[in-house]
Amino acid sequence: MNLFLYSFFYFVCLFPTWFFKFQVFRVEIFLSLSFFITLWALSIFCVFYLKKLNKIKSLYVFTTLIALYGLDNHLSLHRELTNSLSFLTNNFGGPYYASLLLLFLMFIALLLFNFTLKENAAKISLVVIVSLLLTSLFDNKSISNLLNFKKNVSTMSENIKVILIFDEMSGMNSYESKTSEGKEFDNLMYSLAKNHNLILFSNVKTKFPSTIKSIGSLVNQKILDPKEFIKEENNNFHYNNTFLKNELFENFKSVSVFQSVHINFCNNLSVKKCKSFNPFEKKKYIEGFKESPLTHFVNAWKYNGSIASLFVWRVLRQFNLIDVTLSPQGEKASFVSTLSFVADDIKSKKYDLIFGHFLVPHKPYGFNENCSYEGLRSLGNYNNSLDIEQHTYFHNIDRKCTIIFIDNFLKNLSKEKINFADIYFLSDHGSRNIIDDPSSSLNNIFFIKRNKAKFIEINKPTILQDEFKKRLFK
């Protein structure tokens, strides 16, 4: 194969389809193009050098490495074969060891293929890689799948209700509240409620430790099997579950939704505005978050799901050079900004319901004691490197910061004299650090801000779904 064909083959292998699918060019174009062009130029130089020295075996080895990268790049080997739920990961020591094993076996197979077929191997590989590139470019795994729309709303609403659901947040008197940091959280909650005249449920539990079941039983009057109201879309790349039945929304004329990438609430005629979390758009992050061209570039590469990107992403995080824009880390780091958008929707008076589901303070952990972002805390959250005491400590810090952010949100609403009827603050379930302990998995937060209402604490044992539906379904 001549130099031109080698150059074309390497171009196809290295081509970053994710650069277009995730619209990285909207955030960082220079670094992305520089990275790709540099790699391509270096690969061409290596071919030229090896051919000039007549090092054919070395050329086969180098081409094998490039072909392996191409297969990884266009097949998204980590996302498809070594993700956290895969057979390889669960049986070969976790995603990193499983990924190394898979790359090694594929390298050996490709090397034997190249040495056996020689020049023909490169030509066959070229056809395969071009086919994979075209498939990758035109499949449905694109950022365009994120639902973001805004319909015209002609009416104005004075009776605005707001529902903000926080994912994986233990409430007062929970297992996590037994420690000194947990007691600080309970005191912080009580102070928040008194200062803002909230209706505070200080001993409340959800019926389910599952997000889908918990929220599904909130927005529908009857408790249903998830199969009756959820459509799973695991091949959609962004949403795992779409709510097909949502009786709560049907009670409103104009709904604005803020949602994560994992659960879709926007499939309802009442939804006039839908804002899905987009990890690749410019955002305002809290202090401490490392927002840089490198951060955006590497996270987009990682989201494409290749093994190569997984290791680069992990090493750069370990050395504290980048942070994670993906969900839930990116949601947590930009949460304060998101609350300001919620305030804007309240102020607009275009929507009679504003509904938000946020992966805050969901693991991985991220906030430090000063409520700045500290990306290193997100490492090792799921590989048993933290014991229950450490999990409890970090969760308490995260939930304390979440309350501080809510406090500032309420202060800003008051300062700007933004009117509304009710704001419901709740979590879908507890931390679940001890899944079999209801005080960890089921204890959740629930408090209500109602205009002109006085502080009330309801400390008797209550069920979230019952108290919520008593007020929203009349």
Protein backbone atom coordinates (compact mmCIF):
# COMPACT_ATOMS: atom_id res chain seq x y z
CA MET A 1 0.00 0.00 0.00
CA ASN A 2 1.46 3.37 -0.99
CA LEU A 3 1.89 6.42 1.23
CA PHE A 4 -1.34 8.02 0.02
CA LEU A 5 -3.45 4.99 0.97
CA TYR A 6 -1.70 4.72 4.34
CA SER A 7 -2.43 8.41 4.92
CA PHE A 8 -6.08 7.95 4.02
CA PHE A 9 -6.33 4.83 6.19
CA TYR A 10 -4.87 6.66 9.19
CA PHE A 11 -7.15 9.65 8.54
CA VAL A 12 -10.22 7.42 8.67
CA CYS A 13 -9.01 5.64 11.82
CA LEU A 14 -8.23 8.86 13.67
CA PHE A 15 -11.22 10.88 12.46
CA PRO A 16 -13.16 12.20 15.50
CA THR A 17 -16.82 11.66 14.62
CA TRP A 18 -17.73 12.82 18.11
CA PHE A 19 -16.40 16.28 17.22
CA PHE A 20 -19.48 16.75 15.03
CA LYS A 21 -21.99 14.49 16.81
CA PHE A 22 -21.51 16.35 20.09
CA GLN A 23 -21.01 19.73 18.41
CA VAL A 24 -17.71 20.25 20.20
CA PHE A 25 -16.89 22.90 17.59
CA ARG A 26 -19.40 25.14 19.37
CA VAL A 27 -17.25 25.03 22.51
CA GLU A 28 -13.69 24.30 21.50
CA ILE A 29 -12.64 24.03 17.88
CA PHE A 30 -8.93 24.91 17.93
CA LEU A 31 -7.77 22.23 20.40
CA SER A 32 -9.89 19.53 18.78
CA LEU A 33 -8.64 20.17 15.26
CA SER A 34 -5.04 20.61 16.47
CA PHE A 35 -5.17 17.27 18.27
CA PHE A 36 -6.52 15.43 15.24
CA ILE A 37 -4.22 17.06 12.68
CA THR A 38 -1.14 16.53 14.88
CA LEU A 39 -1.88 12.84 15.37
CA TRP A 40 -2.51 12.39 11.67
CA ALA A 41 0.69 14.22 10.68
CA LEU A 42 2.77 12.18 13.13
CA SER A 43 1.29 8.94 11.82
CA ILE A 44 2.13 9.89 8.21
CA PHE A 45 5.67 10.79 9.26
CA CYS A 46 6.06 7.40 10.95
CA VAL A 47 4.92 5.59 7.81
CA PHE A 48 7.30 7.61 5.65
CA TYR A 49 10.19 6.95 8.05
CA LEU A 50 9.53 3.21 8.37
CA LYS A 51 9.08 2.71 4.61
CA LYS A 52 12.26 4.67 3.91
CA LEU A 53 14.22 2.41 6.29
CA ASN A 54 12.43 -0.64 4.88
CA LYS A 55 11.23 -1.67 8.36
CA ILE A 56 8.22 -3.60 7.09
CA LYS A 57 7.57 -5.53 10.31
CA SER A 58 7.64 -2.32 12.32
CA LEU A 59 5.24 -0.79 9.81
CA TYR A 60 2.83 -3.70 10.29
CA VAL A 61 2.98 -3.26 14.06
CA PHE A 62 2.39 0.50 13.79
CA THR A 63 -0.49 0.01 11.36
CA THR A 64 -1.97 -2.55 13.76
CA LEU A 65 -1.92 0.03 16.54
CA ILE A 66 -3.63 2.62 14.33
CA ALA A 67 -6.22 0.07 13.20
CA LEU A 68 -6.87 -0.85 16.84
CA TYR A 69 -7.38 2.82 17.65
CA GLY A 70 -9.75 3.12 14.68
CA LEU A 71 -11.86 0.16 15.82
CA ASP A 72 -11.94 1.56 19.35
CA ASN A 73 -12.76 5.03 18.06
CA HIS A 74 -15.67 4.05 15.82
CA LEU A 75 -17.03 1.07 17.78
CA SER A 76 -16.88 2.84 21.18
CA LEU A 77 -15.44 -0.28 22.79
CA HIS A 78 -15.61 0.99 26.36
CA ARG A 79 -19.22 2.07 26.12
CA GLU A 80 -20.29 -1.12 24.35
CA LEU A 81 -18.09 -3.82 25.93
CA THR A 82 -16.36 -2.63 29.10
CA ASN A 83 -18.93 -0.32 30.68
CA SER A 84 -19.71 -0.72 34.38
CA LEU A 85 -22.50 -3.25 33.74
CA SER A 86 -20.72 -5.38 31.15
CA PHE A 87 -19.70 -9.03 31.49
CA LEU A 88 -16.02 -8.19 30.98
CA THR A 89 -16.02 -5.51 33.68
CA ASN A 90 -17.84 -7.66 36.20
CA ASN A 91 -15.56 -10.66 35.64
CA PHE A 92 -12.14 -9.13 34.99
CA GLY A 93 -11.49 -6.66 37.78
CA GLY A 94 -13.39 -3.55 36.70
CA PRO A 95 -13.54 -1.34 33.59
CA TYR A 96 -9.84 -0.48 33.41
CA TYR A 97 -8.48 -4.02 33.66
CA ALA A 98 -11.24 -5.30 31.38
CA SER A 99 -10.43 -2.60 28.83
CA LEU A 100 -6.71 -3.43 28.87
CA LEU A 101 -7.48 -7.12 28.42
CA LEU A 102 -9.80 -6.42 25.48
CA LEU A 103 -7.23 -4.16 23.79
CA PHE A 104 -4.48 -6.73 24.26
CA LEU A 105 -6.53 -9.57 22.75
CA MET A 106 -7.64 -7.41 19.83
CA PHE A 107 -4.06 -6.24 19.22
CA ILE A 108 -2.79 -9.82 19.05
CA ALA A 109 -5.60 -10.81 16.66
CA LEU A 110 -4.99 -7.80 14.41
CA LEU A 111 -1.23 -8.34 14.45
CA LEU A 112 -1.64 -11.95 13.30
CA PHE A 113 -4.08 -10.75 10.66
CA ASN A 114 -1.60 -8.15 9.33
CA PHE A 115 1.40 -10.48 9.30
CA THR A 116 -0.60 -13.22 7.61
CA LEU A 117 -2.22 -11.14 4.85
CA LYS A 118 0.42 -8.39 4.70
CA GLU A 119 -0.60 -5.68 2.17
CA ASN A 120 -4.06 -7.17 1.70
CA ALA A 121 -4.70 -6.82 5.43
CA ALA A 122 -4.37 -3.05 5.25
CA LYS A 123 -6.74 -2.87 2.27
CA ILE A 124 -9.35 -5.03 4.01
CA SER A 125 -8.95 -2.98 7.18
CA LEU A 126 -9.44 0.22 5.20
CA VAL A 127 -12.80 -0.99 3.85
CA VAL A 128 -13.91 -2.05 7.33
CA ILE A 129 -12.84 1.20 9.01
CA VAL A 130 -14.47 3.37 6.32
CA SER A 131 -17.72 1.43 6.81
CA LEU A 132 -17.52 1.89 10.57
CA LEU A 133 -16.80 5.61 10.16
CA LEU A 134 -19.87 6.12 7.98
CA THR A 135 -22.01 4.09 10.37
CA SER A 136 -20.74 6.11 13.32
CA LEU A 137 -21.35 9.42 11.58
CA PHE A 138 -24.94 8.67 10.66
CA ASP A 139 -26.21 6.62 13.60
CA ASN A 140 -28.63 8.13 16.13
CA LYS A 141 -26.06 8.46 18.90
CA SER A 142 -25.83 12.22 18.70
CA ILE A 143 -26.22 15.20 20.97
CA SER A 144 -29.13 16.22 18.75
CA ASN A 145 -31.18 13.57 20.58
CA LEU A 146 -31.26 15.81 23.63
CA LEU A 147 -34.67 17.37 23.95
CA ASN A 148 -34.45 21.15 24.03
CA PHE A 149 -37.41 23.12 22.80
CA LYS A 150 -39.42 26.22 23.61
CA LYS A 151 -42.94 26.69 22.29
CA ASN A 152 -44.83 29.95 22.13
CA VAL A 153 -46.92 30.64 25.23
CA SER A 154 -49.49 33.41 24.92
CA THR A 155 -51.07 33.26 28.39
CA MET A 156 -49.58 34.56 31.63
CA SER A 157 -49.89 32.69 34.90
CA GLU A 158 -50.10 34.16 38.40
CA ASN A 159 -50.60 30.82 40.12
CA ILE A 160 -47.14 29.36 39.52
CA LYS A 161 -46.15 26.08 41.12
CA VAL A 162 -42.56 24.86 41.16
CA ILE A 163 -41.44 21.29 41.86
CA LEU A 164 -37.71 20.66 42.30
CA ILE A 165 -36.61 17.05 42.79
CA PHE A 166 -33.10 16.35 44.04
CA ASP A 167 -31.69 12.93 43.31
CA GLU A 168 -30.16 10.76 46.03
CA MET A 169 -30.44 13.13 48.99
CA SER A 170 -31.03 11.88 52.52
CA GLY A 171 -33.28 13.94 54.75
CA MET A 172 -33.43 14.89 58.41
CA ASN A 173 -33.18 12.18 61.06
CA SER A 174 -31.69 9.78 58.54
CA TYR A 175 -28.80 7.38 59.02
CA GLU A 176 -26.47 10.07 57.66
CA SER A 177 -27.74 12.53 60.29
CA LYS A 178 -26.23 10.54 63.14
CA THR A 179 -22.74 11.98 62.61
CA SER A 180 -21.59 15.47 63.56
CA GLU A 181 -21.78 16.61 59.92
CA GLY A 182 -25.23 15.04 59.67
CA LYS A 183 -26.41 16.93 62.74
CA GLU A 184 -25.09 20.11 61.11
CA PHE A 185 -27.23 19.29 58.09
CA ASP A 186 -30.35 18.85 60.25
CA ASN A 187 -29.66 22.18 61.95
CA LEU A 188 -29.10 23.81 58.58
CA MET A 189 -32.41 22.44 57.33
CA TYR A 190 -34.22 23.73 60.40
CA SER A 191 -32.64 27.18 60.04
CA LEU A 192 -33.54 27.28 56.35
CA ALA A 193 -37.15 26.43 57.17
CA LYS A 194 -37.43 29.07 59.91
CA ASN A 195 -35.69 31.82 57.93
CA HIS A 196 -37.86 31.30 54.85
CA ASN A 197 -41.13 30.31 56.56
CA LEU A 198 -41.21 26.83 55.06
CA ILE A 199 -43.49 23.90 55.72
CA LEU A 200 -40.86 21.40 56.87
CA PHE A 201 -41.36 17.64 56.96
CA SER A 202 -38.59 16.51 59.30
CA ASN A 203 -39.45 12.80 59.42
CA VAL A 204 -40.46 11.82 55.90
CA LYS A 205 -39.73 8.74 53.83
CA THR A 206 -40.37 7.82 50.22
CA LYS A 207 -42.03 4.52 49.41
CA PHE A 208 -39.29 3.41 47.04
CA PRO A 209 -35.47 3.59 46.90
CA SER A 210 -35.71 3.66 43.10
CA THR A 211 -35.86 6.96 41.21
CA ILE A 212 -38.26 5.66 38.56
CA LYS A 213 -40.68 4.14 41.07
CA SER A 214 -40.46 7.04 43.49
CA ILE A 215 -41.08 9.79 40.93
CA GLY A 216 -43.56 7.63 39.03
CA SER A 217 -45.66 7.30 42.18
CA LEU A 218 -45.46 11.09 42.69
CA VAL A 219 -46.69 12.17 39.27
CA ASN A 220 -49.38 9.49 38.97
CA GLN A 221 -52.24 9.02 41.40
CA LYS A 222 -51.97 5.25 41.47
CA ILE A 223 -48.77 3.35 42.10
CA LEU A 224 -48.04 1.61 38.83
CA ASP A 225 -45.57 -0.93 37.58
CA PRO A 226 -42.82 1.01 35.74
CA LYS A 227 -43.68 -0.94 32.59
CA GLU A 228 -47.03 0.86 32.58
CA PHE A 229 -45.60 4.39 32.45
CA ILE A 230 -41.98 4.11 31.31
CA LYS A 231 -40.48 3.47 27.91
CA GLU A 232 -36.90 2.27 28.03
CA GLU A 233 -34.66 3.66 25.32
CA ASN A 234 -31.28 2.16 26.08
CA ASN A 235 -30.14 2.46 22.47
CA ASN A 236 -30.86 6.18 22.37
CA PHE A 237 -27.48 7.08 23.88
CA HIS A 238 -28.90 9.79 26.11
CA TYR A 239 -32.20 8.88 27.74
CA ASN A 240 -32.63 5.57 29.48
CA ASN A 241 -36.28 6.10 30.40
CA THR A 242 -39.11 8.24 29.04
CA PHE A 243 -42.25 8.94 31.07
CA LEU A 244 -45.27 8.03 28.93
CA LYS A 245 -47.81 8.57 31.70
CA ASN A 246 -47.68 11.70 33.84
CA GLU A 247 -51.02 12.66 35.36
CA LEU A 248 -49.52 15.56 37.28
CA PHE A 249 -48.58 17.45 34.12
CA GLU A 250 -52.09 16.98 32.74
CA ASN A 251 -53.39 19.26 35.50
CA PHE A 252 -51.43 22.18 34.06
CA LYS A 253 -51.65 24.12 30.81
CA SER A 254 -48.04 25.19 30.41
CA VAL A 255 -45.12 23.26 31.87
CA SER A 256 -41.41 24.06 31.84
CA VAL A 257 -39.09 21.09 32.45
CA PHE A 258 -35.48 20.93 33.55
CA GLN A 259 -34.16 17.38 33.32
CA SER A 260 -31.06 15.21 33.29
CA VAL A 261 -29.99 13.07 30.34
CA HIS A 262 -31.20 9.85 31.97
CA ILE A 263 -34.95 10.43 32.46
CA ASN A 264 -37.17 12.23 29.97
CA PHE A 265 -40.27 14.04 31.28
CA CYS A 266 -40.91 16.10 28.14
CA ASN A 267 -43.11 13.62 26.30
CA ASN A 268 -46.30 15.38 27.37
CA LEU A 269 -48.56 17.83 25.55
CA SER A 270 -48.53 20.22 28.49
CA VAL A 271 -44.76 20.70 28.24
CA LYS A 272 -44.09 23.99 26.44
CA LYS A 273 -40.42 24.27 27.32
CA CYS A 274 -37.90 21.48 27.78
CA LYS A 275 -34.32 21.97 28.88
CA SER A 276 -32.20 18.82 29.03
CA PHE A 277 -28.78 18.91 30.62
CA ASN A 278 -26.22 19.27 27.83
CA PRO A 279 -22.65 18.45 28.87
CA PHE A 280 -21.18 20.13 25.79
CA GLU A 281 -22.60 23.64 25.96
CA LYS A 282 -20.99 26.60 27.68
CA LYS A 283 -22.10 26.97 31.32
CA LYS A 284 -21.34 28.94 34.41
CA TYR A 285 -19.76 26.58 36.91
CA ILE A 286 -19.17 27.15 40.60
CA GLU A 287 -15.78 28.12 41.97
CA GLY A 288 -13.19 25.36 41.82
CA PHE A 289 -14.42 23.69 38.64
CA LYS A 290 -11.68 23.40 36.03
CA GLU A 291 -13.36 24.74 32.93
CA SER A 292 -10.85 24.83 30.11
CA PRO A 293 -10.56 23.86 26.44
CA LEU A 294 -8.91 20.62 27.57
CA THR A 295 -11.82 19.83 29.89
CA HIS A 296 -14.42 20.20 27.13
CA PHE A 297 -12.34 18.34 24.56
CA VAL A 298 -11.50 15.31 26.70
CA ASN A 299 -15.03 14.95 28.09
CA ALA A 300 -16.51 14.92 24.59
CA TRP A 301 -13.96 12.31 23.56
CA LYS A 302 -14.76 10.24 26.66
CA TYR A 303 -18.51 10.48 26.02
CA ASN A 304 -17.98 8.85 22.65
CA GLY A 305 -17.02 5.76 24.62
CA SER A 306 -13.60 4.67 23.37
CA ILE A 307 -11.11 2.89 25.63
CA ALA A 308 -8.34 5.29 24.64
CA SER A 309 -10.39 8.26 25.81
CA LEU A 310 -11.28 6.46 29.05
CA PHE A 311 -7.64 6.20 30.09
CA VAL A 312 -6.70 9.74 29.02
CA TRP A 313 -9.78 11.10 30.83
CA ARG A 314 -8.96 9.14 33.99
CA VAL A 315 -5.26 10.13 34.09
CA LEU A 316 -6.01 13.83 33.58
CA ARG A 317 -8.59 13.73 36.36
CA GLN A 318 -6.17 11.93 38.66
CA PHE A 319 -3.63 14.72 38.19
CA ASN A 320 -6.39 17.30 38.70
CA LEU A 321 -5.93 18.80 35.23
CA ILE A 322 -9.57 18.54 34.15
CA ASP A 323 -13.00 18.12 35.69
CA VAL A 324 -16.02 16.24 34.37
CA THR A 325 -18.68 18.11 32.38
CA LEU A 326 -20.73 14.93 31.98
CA SER A 327 -23.68 14.06 34.19
CA PRO A 328 -23.92 13.98 37.16
CA GLN A 329 -20.64 15.80 37.91
CA GLY A 330 -21.33 18.56 35.40
CA GLU A 331 -24.88 18.96 36.69
CA LYS A 332 -23.61 19.45 40.23
CA ALA A 333 -20.94 21.94 39.22
CA SER A 334 -23.44 24.03 37.22
CA PHE A 335 -26.38 23.63 39.60
CA VAL A 336 -26.29 27.19 40.93
CA SER A 337 -26.55 28.47 37.37
CA THR A 338 -29.46 26.11 36.69
CA LEU A 339 -31.35 27.49 39.67
CA SER A 340 -31.01 30.97 38.17
CA PHE A 341 -32.71 29.67 35.00
CA VAL A 342 -35.52 28.29 37.16
CA ALA A 343 -35.90 31.76 38.69
CA ASP A 344 -36.05 33.26 35.19
CA ASP A 345 -38.92 30.95 34.27
CA ILE A 346 -40.80 31.89 37.43
CA LYS A 347 -40.27 35.56 36.65
CA SER A 348 -41.52 35.13 33.08
CA LYS A 349 -44.98 33.99 34.29
CA LYS A 350 -45.30 31.89 31.13
CA TYR A 351 -45.63 28.58 32.93
CA ASP A 352 -48.07 27.45 35.58
CA LEU A 353 -45.76 24.54 36.49
CA ILE A 354 -41.97 24.52 36.53
CA PHE A 355 -40.65 21.01 37.11
CA GLY A 356 -37.02 20.07 37.66
CA HIS A 357 -35.24 16.79 38.29
CA PHE A 358 -31.55 17.28 39.09
CA LEU A 359 -28.79 14.74 39.70
CA VAL A 360 -27.79 16.74 42.76
CA PRO A 361 -26.33 15.77 45.22
CA HIS A 362 -26.10 12.38 43.50
CA LYS A 363 -22.76 10.54 43.59
CA PRO A 364 -19.99 10.99 42.55
CA TYR A 365 -19.23 13.52 45.28
CA GLY A 366 -17.97 16.95 44.31
CA PHE A 367 -18.43 19.74 46.84
CA ASN A 368 -15.85 20.55 49.50
CA GLU A 369 -16.37 22.02 52.96
CA ASN A 370 -16.49 25.54 51.49
CA CYS A 371 -19.04 24.44 48.86
CA SER A 372 -16.56 24.96 46.05
CA TYR A 373 -16.12 22.19 43.51
CA GLU A 374 -13.36 19.65 44.12
CA GLY A 375 -13.17 17.16 41.28
CA LEU A 376 -10.84 14.72 43.02
CA ARG A 377 -13.69 13.82 45.38
CA SER A 378 -15.52 12.23 42.45
CA LEU A 379 -12.84 9.55 42.06
CA GLY A 380 -13.26 6.07 43.51
CA ASN A 381 -16.90 6.48 44.55
CA TYR A 382 -18.03 3.14 43.13
CA ASN A 383 -15.06 0.79 43.50
CA ASN A 384 -15.21 0.09 47.25
CA SER A 385 -12.25 2.38 47.97
CA LEU A 386 -14.45 4.38 50.36
CA ASP A 387 -15.89 2.85 53.54
CA ILE A 388 -19.34 3.71 54.90
CA GLU A 389 -17.94 6.41 57.20
CA GLN A 390 -16.31 8.17 54.25
CA HIS A 391 -19.42 7.84 52.10
CA THR A 392 -21.49 9.31 54.93
CA TYR A 393 -19.07 12.20 55.42
CA PHE A 394 -18.94 13.13 51.74
CA HIS A 395 -22.71 12.80 51.31
CA ASN A 396 -23.26 15.11 54.27
CA ILE A 397 -20.96 17.72 52.76
CA ASP A 398 -22.77 17.48 49.42
CA ARG A 399 -26.23 17.76 50.92
CA LYS A 400 -25.21 20.65 53.19
CA CYS A 401 -23.95 22.55 50.16
CA THR A 402 -27.15 21.76 48.28
CA ILE A 403 -29.15 23.36 51.08
CA ILE A 404 -26.88 26.41 51.04
CA PHE A 405 -27.48 26.77 47.30
CA ILE A 406 -31.25 26.48 47.89
CA ASP A 407 -31.01 29.11 50.62
CA ASN A 408 -29.35 31.54 48.20
CA PHE A 409 -31.95 30.70 45.57
CA LEU A 410 -34.80 31.60 47.95
CA LYS A 411 -33.02 34.78 49.04
CA ASN A 412 -32.67 35.86 45.42
CA LEU A 413 -36.37 35.22 44.75
CA SER A 414 -37.23 37.37 47.76
CA LYS A 415 -34.74 40.08 46.85
CA GLU A 416 -36.07 40.35 43.30
CA LYS A 417 -39.67 40.09 44.53
CA ILE A 418 -40.44 37.19 42.20
CA ASN A 419 -43.94 35.92 42.90
CA PHE A 420 -45.14 32.32 42.85
CA ALA A 421 -47.74 30.17 44.57
CA ASP A 422 -45.74 27.21 45.90
CA ILE A 423 -42.29 25.69 45.55
CA TYR A 424 -41.96 22.02 46.47
CA PHE A 425 -38.46 20.85 47.34
CA LEU A 426 -38.02 17.09 47.64
CA SER A 427 -35.69 14.22 46.93
CA ASP A 428 -36.62 10.96 45.25
CA HIS A 429 -34.85 8.80 47.86
CA GLY A 430 -32.00 8.84 50.37
CA SER A 431 -28.28 8.36 49.81
CA ARG A 432 -28.69 4.56 49.54
CA ASN A 433 -25.21 4.13 50.98
CA ILE A 434 -26.80 1.31 52.99
CA ILE A 435 -29.47 0.11 50.62
CA ASP A 436 -31.06 -2.30 53.13
CA ASP A 437 -31.41 0.37 55.82
CA PRO A 438 -34.60 2.45 55.26
CA SER A 439 -33.08 5.36 57.20
CA SER A 440 -30.40 5.58 54.49
CA SER A 441 -32.31 4.52 51.39
CA LEU A 442 -35.81 5.94 52.06
CA ASN A 443 -35.33 8.99 54.32
CA ASN A 444 -35.59 12.01 52.05
CA ILE A 445 -36.14 15.76 52.11
CA PHE A 446 -39.49 17.47 51.67
CA PHE A 447 -40.29 21.10 52.36
CA ILE A 448 -42.58 23.68 50.80
CA LYS A 449 -42.23 27.41 50.29
CA ARG A 450 -45.66 28.99 50.15
CA ASN A 451 -46.19 32.71 49.84
CA LYS A 452 -47.41 34.38 53.04
CA ALA A 453 -47.22 31.08 54.93
CA LYS A 454 -45.59 30.81 58.36
CA PHE A 455 -42.99 28.30 59.47
CA ILE A 456 -44.46 24.90 60.29
CA GLU A 457 -42.59 21.74 61.23
CA ILE A 458 -44.37 18.45 60.72
CA ASN A 459 -42.29 15.95 62.67
CA LYS A 460 -44.64 13.00 62.73
CA PRO A 461 -43.65 10.08 60.44
CA THR A 462 -45.01 10.78 56.97
CA ILE A 463 -44.87 9.25 53.50
CA LEU A 464 -43.63 11.55 50.73
CA GLN A 465 -46.05 10.35 48.07
CA ASP A 466 -49.09 10.76 50.34
CA GLU A 467 -48.21 14.29 51.45
CA PHE A 468 -47.21 15.37 47.95
CA LYS A 469 -50.32 14.09 46.18
CA LYS A 470 -52.57 15.46 48.94
CA ARG A 471 -51.47 18.91 47.85
CA LEU A 472 -51.03 18.51 44.07
CA PHE A 473 -53.96 16.22 43.21
CA LYS A 474 -57.21 17.77 44.43
